Amino acid sequence: MDIEQQVAKHYSHGALESAILEALKASGKDVDRLATSDLAGVDEFHLGWHAATIEIAKDLGLSSAMHVLDIGSGIGGPARYFAETHGAQVTGIDLTDEFIQLANALTRRCGLADRARFQQASALALPFKDGIFDAATMIHVGMNIEDKAKVFSEVQRVLRPKGHFVVYDVMRTGKGDIPYPMPWAPTTATSFVRTPDDYREMLLAAGFKIEGEVSRRDLALKLWEDMRRKIAQHGPPKLSLQILMGEEAKPRLANVISTLERGVIAPIEMVART
């Protein structure tokens, strides 16, 4: 089993759509007429969650005239936000077939299928013609990709001139061990966490110009503490990332938060332009 197959297996659930729909019904939602806000808590599988997605959209300068590529789109949360709030056309790709099927299904239930669509593909070999996208995102995906330089070269190829590319990944920012399991990988076999210096070097080598960089470590830790307080007061929500991660959710989240607190890793956003 190659790395991409291992990654897809890691994220596969087996009955994710039914689990999410049952949780939505238990929360009193009409699953045939969903609002994107109904999916909050489960559809943005990255540190900083929806607050980070909002900032990414701002940094891309999204508009209804733009076609956006979302690499590693998961079950479609950021893509649906880009489509609904900014009117952009969004194409999402992901290795995990179950994520793709669910992303399309949830997008239809939210009435956004005309603006966001998803297909299974590898970031290492994007199945698109040259220069057809206005912008691209890669949100907490690079940790599963060893050959990031190849991905950046592919993104450069499919972007139009002056197209923006936002990378938002967990990066190594300090010394110390990275414990496993993590949300993105059960072991080091499919985990390729690199430093911001490594990312900058590879983006520049691919022909990008780097326009901005920000750490969202403090935001992620603050939101995590807010979430913990809400759970302590009101109990756990019916719809949460635990559905995606299953029984491993508790150790995975504990590991990523403790490593964030120690300063070993941080979620870093880089804004690049062709």
Protein backbone atom coordinates (compact mmCIF):
# COMPACT_ATOMS: atom_id res chain seq x y z
CA MET A 1 0.00 0.00 0.00
CA ASP A 2 1.56 3.30 -1.09
CA ILE A 3 1.46 6.53 0.93
CA GLU A 4 -1.61 7.97 -0.80
CA GLN A 5 -3.55 4.74 -0.22
CA GLN A 6 -2.55 4.79 3.45
CA VAL A 7 -3.66 8.42 3.77
CA ALA A 8 -7.03 7.69 2.14
CA LYS A 9 -7.51 4.70 4.45
CA HIS A 10 -6.67 6.83 7.49
CA TYR A 11 -9.45 9.31 6.73
CA SER A 12 -12.04 6.74 5.62
CA HIS A 13 -14.85 6.06 8.07
CA GLY A 14 -17.15 3.59 6.34
CA ALA A 15 -20.47 5.11 7.36
CA LEU A 16 -19.68 8.79 7.71
CA GLU A 17 -22.70 10.17 5.87
CA SER A 18 -25.20 8.24 7.97
CA ALA A 19 -23.35 9.19 11.18
CA ILE A 20 -23.46 12.89 10.32
CA LEU A 21 -27.09 12.81 9.19
CA GLU A 22 -28.12 11.05 12.40
CA ALA A 23 -26.30 13.66 14.47
CA LEU A 24 -28.01 16.43 12.51
CA LYS A 25 -31.43 14.86 13.04
CA ALA A 26 -30.69 14.50 16.76
CA SER A 27 -29.90 18.24 16.78
CA GLY A 28 -33.31 19.01 15.25
CA LYS A 29 -32.05 19.86 11.77
CA ASP A 30 -33.93 19.23 8.53
CA VAL A 31 -31.37 17.14 6.67
CA ASP A 32 -33.12 17.73 3.33
CA ARG A 33 -32.74 21.49 3.66
CA LEU A 34 -29.48 22.17 5.40
CA ALA A 35 -27.79 25.49 5.97
CA THR A 36 -24.01 25.49 5.89
CA SER A 37 -24.08 26.69 9.50
CA ASP A 38 -25.81 23.43 10.47
CA LEU A 39 -22.58 21.60 9.67
CA ALA A 40 -20.38 23.74 11.90
CA GLY A 41 -18.25 21.60 14.16
CA VAL A 42 -17.66 18.77 11.72
CA ASP A 43 -16.94 20.15 8.25
CA GLU A 44 -13.74 22.18 8.85
CA PHE A 45 -11.04 19.72 9.82
CA HIS A 46 -8.24 22.18 10.56
CA LEU A 47 -6.91 24.20 13.47
CA GLY A 48 -8.66 27.53 13.82
CA TRP A 49 -11.75 26.00 12.27
CA HIS A 50 -14.25 28.41 10.71
CA ALA A 51 -12.41 31.53 11.95
CA ALA A 52 -9.33 30.44 10.00
CA THR A 53 -11.43 29.76 6.89
CA ILE A 54 -12.81 33.30 7.01
CA GLU A 55 -9.29 34.72 7.10
CA ILE A 56 -8.16 32.50 4.22
CA ALA A 57 -11.04 33.77 2.07
CA LYS A 58 -10.05 37.36 2.84
CA ASP A 59 -6.43 36.70 1.93
CA LEU A 60 -7.50 35.16 -1.38
CA GLY A 61 -9.61 38.22 -2.20
CA LEU A 62 -12.46 35.98 -3.29
CA SER A 63 -15.25 37.18 -5.57
CA SER A 64 -18.04 35.71 -7.67
CA ALA A 65 -15.84 36.00 -10.76
CA MET A 66 -13.26 33.54 -9.41
CA HIS A 67 -12.77 29.80 -9.83
CA VAL A 68 -11.01 28.30 -6.81
CA LEU A 69 -9.22 24.96 -6.46
CA ASP A 70 -9.39 23.47 -2.95
CA ILE A 71 -6.72 20.78 -2.59
CA GLY A 72 -7.54 18.20 0.07
CA SER A 73 -11.09 19.48 0.39
CA GLY A 74 -12.25 16.91 2.94
CA ILE A 75 -16.03 16.92 3.33
CA GLY A 76 -16.24 20.40 1.82
CA GLY A 77 -16.62 22.95 4.62
CA PRO A 78 -14.24 25.66 3.36
CA ALA A 79 -15.35 25.17 -0.26
CA ARG A 80 -19.01 25.63 0.67
CA TYR A 81 -18.11 28.79 2.60
CA PHE A 82 -16.19 30.19 -0.38
CA ALA A 83 -19.16 29.43 -2.66
CA GLU A 84 -21.95 30.63 -0.38
CA THR A 85 -20.39 33.74 1.15
CA HIS A 86 -18.26 34.96 -1.74
CA GLY A 87 -20.11 33.46 -4.71
CA ALA A 88 -16.98 31.76 -6.04
CA GLN A 89 -16.99 28.64 -8.17
CA VAL A 90 -15.06 25.96 -6.27
CA THR A 91 -13.59 22.66 -7.37
CA GLY A 92 -12.39 20.43 -4.55
CA ILE A 93 -10.15 17.39 -4.80
CA ASP A 94 -9.35 14.77 -2.19
CA LEU A 95 -7.77 11.31 -2.04
CA THR A 96 -10.53 9.85 0.13
CA ASP A 97 -13.47 8.67 -1.96
CA GLU A 98 -15.81 8.69 1.04
CA PHE A 99 -15.00 12.36 1.65
CA ILE A 100 -15.71 13.19 -1.99
CA GLN A 101 -19.06 11.40 -2.02
CA LEU A 102 -20.08 13.05 1.25
CA ALA A 103 -18.86 16.52 0.20
CA ASN A 104 -21.03 16.38 -2.93
CA ALA A 105 -24.01 15.04 -0.98
CA LEU A 106 -23.83 17.70 1.73
CA THR A 107 -23.31 20.42 -0.86
CA ARG A 108 -26.50 19.33 -2.64
CA ARG A 109 -28.39 19.36 0.66
CA CYS A 110 -27.16 22.93 1.20
CA GLY A 111 -28.32 24.01 -2.25
CA LEU A 112 -24.80 24.83 -3.44
CA ALA A 113 -24.16 22.11 -6.02
CA ASP A 114 -24.15 24.68 -8.82
CA ARG A 115 -21.16 26.46 -7.24
CA ALA A 116 -19.09 23.75 -5.57
CA ARG A 117 -18.20 20.29 -6.81
CA PHE A 118 -15.75 17.65 -5.68
CA GLN A 119 -13.76 14.88 -7.34
CA GLN A 120 -11.22 12.30 -6.31
CA ALA A 121 -7.70 13.19 -7.41
CA SER A 122 -4.09 13.41 -6.27
CA ALA A 123 -2.44 16.76 -5.60
CA LEU A 124 0.71 15.30 -7.16
CA ALA A 125 -1.00 14.99 -10.57
CA LEU A 126 -3.82 17.52 -10.85
CA PRO A 127 -6.29 16.44 -13.56
CA PHE A 128 -6.75 19.95 -14.94
CA LYS A 129 -5.51 22.00 -17.89
CA ASP A 130 -2.94 24.72 -17.43
CA GLY A 131 -4.02 28.13 -16.16
CA ILE A 132 -7.70 27.54 -15.44
CA PHE A 133 -7.98 28.57 -11.77
CA ASP A 134 -7.88 32.06 -10.27
CA ALA A 135 -6.89 30.88 -6.79
CA ALA A 136 -6.05 27.73 -4.86
CA THR A 137 -6.00 26.57 -1.26
CA MET A 138 -4.27 23.74 0.57
CA ILE A 139 -5.68 23.59 4.09
CA HIS A 140 -3.99 21.13 6.49
CA VAL A 141 -2.98 18.81 3.69
CA GLY A 142 0.78 19.16 3.31
CA MET A 143 1.43 17.16 6.49
CA ASN A 144 0.38 14.06 4.51
CA ILE A 145 2.49 14.87 1.43
CA GLU A 146 6.19 14.11 1.27
CA ASP A 147 6.82 15.68 -2.15
CA LYS A 148 5.42 19.14 -1.47
CA ALA A 149 7.62 20.61 -4.20
CA LYS A 150 5.73 18.55 -6.78
CA VAL A 151 2.39 19.79 -5.45
CA PHE A 152 3.51 23.41 -5.59
CA SER A 153 4.70 22.92 -9.17
CA GLU A 154 1.30 21.46 -10.10
CA VAL A 155 -0.56 24.33 -8.45
CA GLN A 156 1.64 26.84 -10.28
CA ARG A 157 0.74 25.09 -13.54
CA VAL A 158 -3.05 25.23 -13.09
CA LEU A 159 -3.20 28.81 -11.79
CA ARG A 160 -3.67 31.81 -14.04
CA PRO A 161 -1.06 34.61 -13.98
CA LYS A 162 -1.23 36.59 -10.71
CA GLY A 163 -3.32 33.81 -9.16
CA HIS A 164 -3.15 33.46 -5.39
CA PHE A 165 -2.33 30.28 -3.48
CA VAL A 166 -2.96 29.99 0.26
CA VAL A 167 -1.18 27.19 2.10
CA TYR A 168 -2.43 26.62 5.65
CA ASP A 169 -0.57 23.70 7.21
CA VAL A 170 0.70 22.49 10.55
CA MET A 171 4.43 23.24 10.47
CA ARG A 172 7.32 22.54 12.81
CA THR A 173 8.18 25.72 14.70
CA GLY A 174 10.28 24.40 17.60
CA LYS A 175 12.34 21.53 18.94
CA GLY A 176 10.75 18.52 20.57
CA ASP A 177 8.96 15.30 19.78
CA ILE A 178 5.73 15.14 17.80
CA PRO A 179 3.60 12.44 19.44
CA TYR A 180 1.26 10.14 17.56
CA PRO A 181 -1.51 9.53 16.75
CA MET A 182 -2.24 12.98 15.34
CA PRO A 183 -5.44 14.04 13.58
CA TRP A 184 -3.68 13.77 10.21
CA ALA A 185 -1.71 10.56 10.77
CA PRO A 186 -1.57 7.56 13.11
CA THR A 187 2.25 7.23 12.82
CA THR A 188 5.24 8.90 11.20
CA ALA A 189 4.74 6.72 8.10
CA THR A 190 2.29 9.20 6.58
CA SER A 191 3.33 12.37 8.44
CA PHE A 192 5.63 14.89 6.78
CA VAL A 193 5.66 17.98 8.98
CA ARG A 194 8.17 20.56 7.75
CA THR A 195 9.35 24.02 8.85
CA PRO A 196 8.16 27.34 7.44
CA ASP A 197 11.64 27.75 5.92
CA ASP A 198 11.13 24.51 3.97
CA TYR A 199 7.76 25.71 2.67
CA ARG A 200 9.12 29.10 1.62
CA GLU A 201 12.03 27.50 -0.20
CA MET A 202 9.77 25.10 -2.11
CA LEU A 203 7.19 27.76 -2.99
CA LEU A 204 9.88 30.07 -4.35
CA ALA A 205 11.46 27.22 -6.31
CA ALA A 206 8.06 26.52 -7.90
CA GLY A 207 7.89 30.10 -9.14
CA PHE A 208 5.67 31.67 -6.49
CA LYS A 209 6.18 35.01 -4.81
CA ILE A 210 5.36 34.97 -1.10
CA GLU A 211 3.16 37.91 -0.10
CA GLY A 212 2.35 37.11 3.52
CA GLU A 213 2.72 34.70 6.39
CA VAL A 214 0.93 34.38 9.73
CA SER A 215 0.83 31.90 12.59
CA ARG A 216 -2.63 31.01 13.87
CA ARG A 217 -1.32 29.16 16.94
CA ASP A 218 -2.79 31.65 19.42
CA LEU A 219 -6.15 31.62 17.63
CA ALA A 220 -6.28 27.82 17.67
CA LEU A 221 -5.44 27.61 21.37
CA LYS A 222 -7.97 30.30 22.29
CA LEU A 223 -10.75 28.60 20.32
CA TRP A 224 -9.83 25.26 21.87
CA GLU A 225 -10.15 26.72 25.37
CA ASP A 226 -13.49 28.33 24.44
CA MET A 227 -14.70 24.96 23.17
CA ARG A 228 -13.62 23.21 26.36
CA ARG A 229 -15.51 25.73 28.50
CA LYS A 230 -18.68 25.28 26.43
CA ILE A 231 -18.44 21.51 26.74
CA ALA A 232 -17.95 21.80 30.50
CA GLN A 233 -21.05 24.00 30.79
CA HIS A 234 -23.38 22.39 28.25
CA GLY A 235 -21.96 18.97 27.47
CA PRO A 236 -20.44 17.79 24.17
CA PRO A 237 -22.21 18.80 20.94
CA LYS A 238 -23.92 16.10 18.91
CA LEU A 239 -22.01 17.17 15.81
CA SER A 240 -18.25 17.37 16.30
CA LEU A 241 -14.94 16.28 14.80
CA GLN A 242 -15.15 13.17 16.94
CA ILE A 243 -17.47 11.78 14.27
CA LEU A 244 -14.66 12.10 11.71
CA MET A 245 -11.94 10.72 13.97
CA GLY A 246 -13.92 8.05 15.80
CA GLU A 247 -12.48 6.35 18.88
CA GLU A 248 -9.05 7.90 18.26
CA ALA A 249 -10.42 11.45 18.59
CA LYS A 250 -9.44 11.98 22.22
CA PRO A 251 -5.73 11.01 21.98
CA ARG A 252 -5.34 12.71 18.58
CA LEU A 253 -6.75 16.01 19.84
CA ALA A 254 -4.82 15.77 23.10
CA ASN A 255 -1.57 15.23 21.21
CA VAL A 256 -2.05 18.09 18.76
CA ILE A 257 -3.06 20.57 21.47
CA SER A 258 -0.20 19.62 23.81
CA THR A 259 2.29 19.94 20.96
CA LEU A 260 0.83 23.34 20.04
CA GLU A 261 1.14 24.48 23.64
CA ARG A 262 4.80 23.42 23.72
CA GLY A 263 5.50 25.45 20.60
CA VAL A 264 6.75 22.45 18.65
CA ILE A 265 4.16 22.97 15.90
CA ALA A 266 1.87 25.75 14.76
CA PRO A 267 -0.74 26.23 12.05
CA ILE A 268 0.94 28.61 9.61
CA GLU A 269 -0.77 30.37 6.71
CA MET A 270 1.31 31.45 3.72
CA VAL A 271 -0.07 33.58 0.91
CA ALA A 272 1.72 33.16 -2.41
CA ARG A 273 1.16 34.53 -5.93
CA THR A 274 2.14 33.29 -9.36
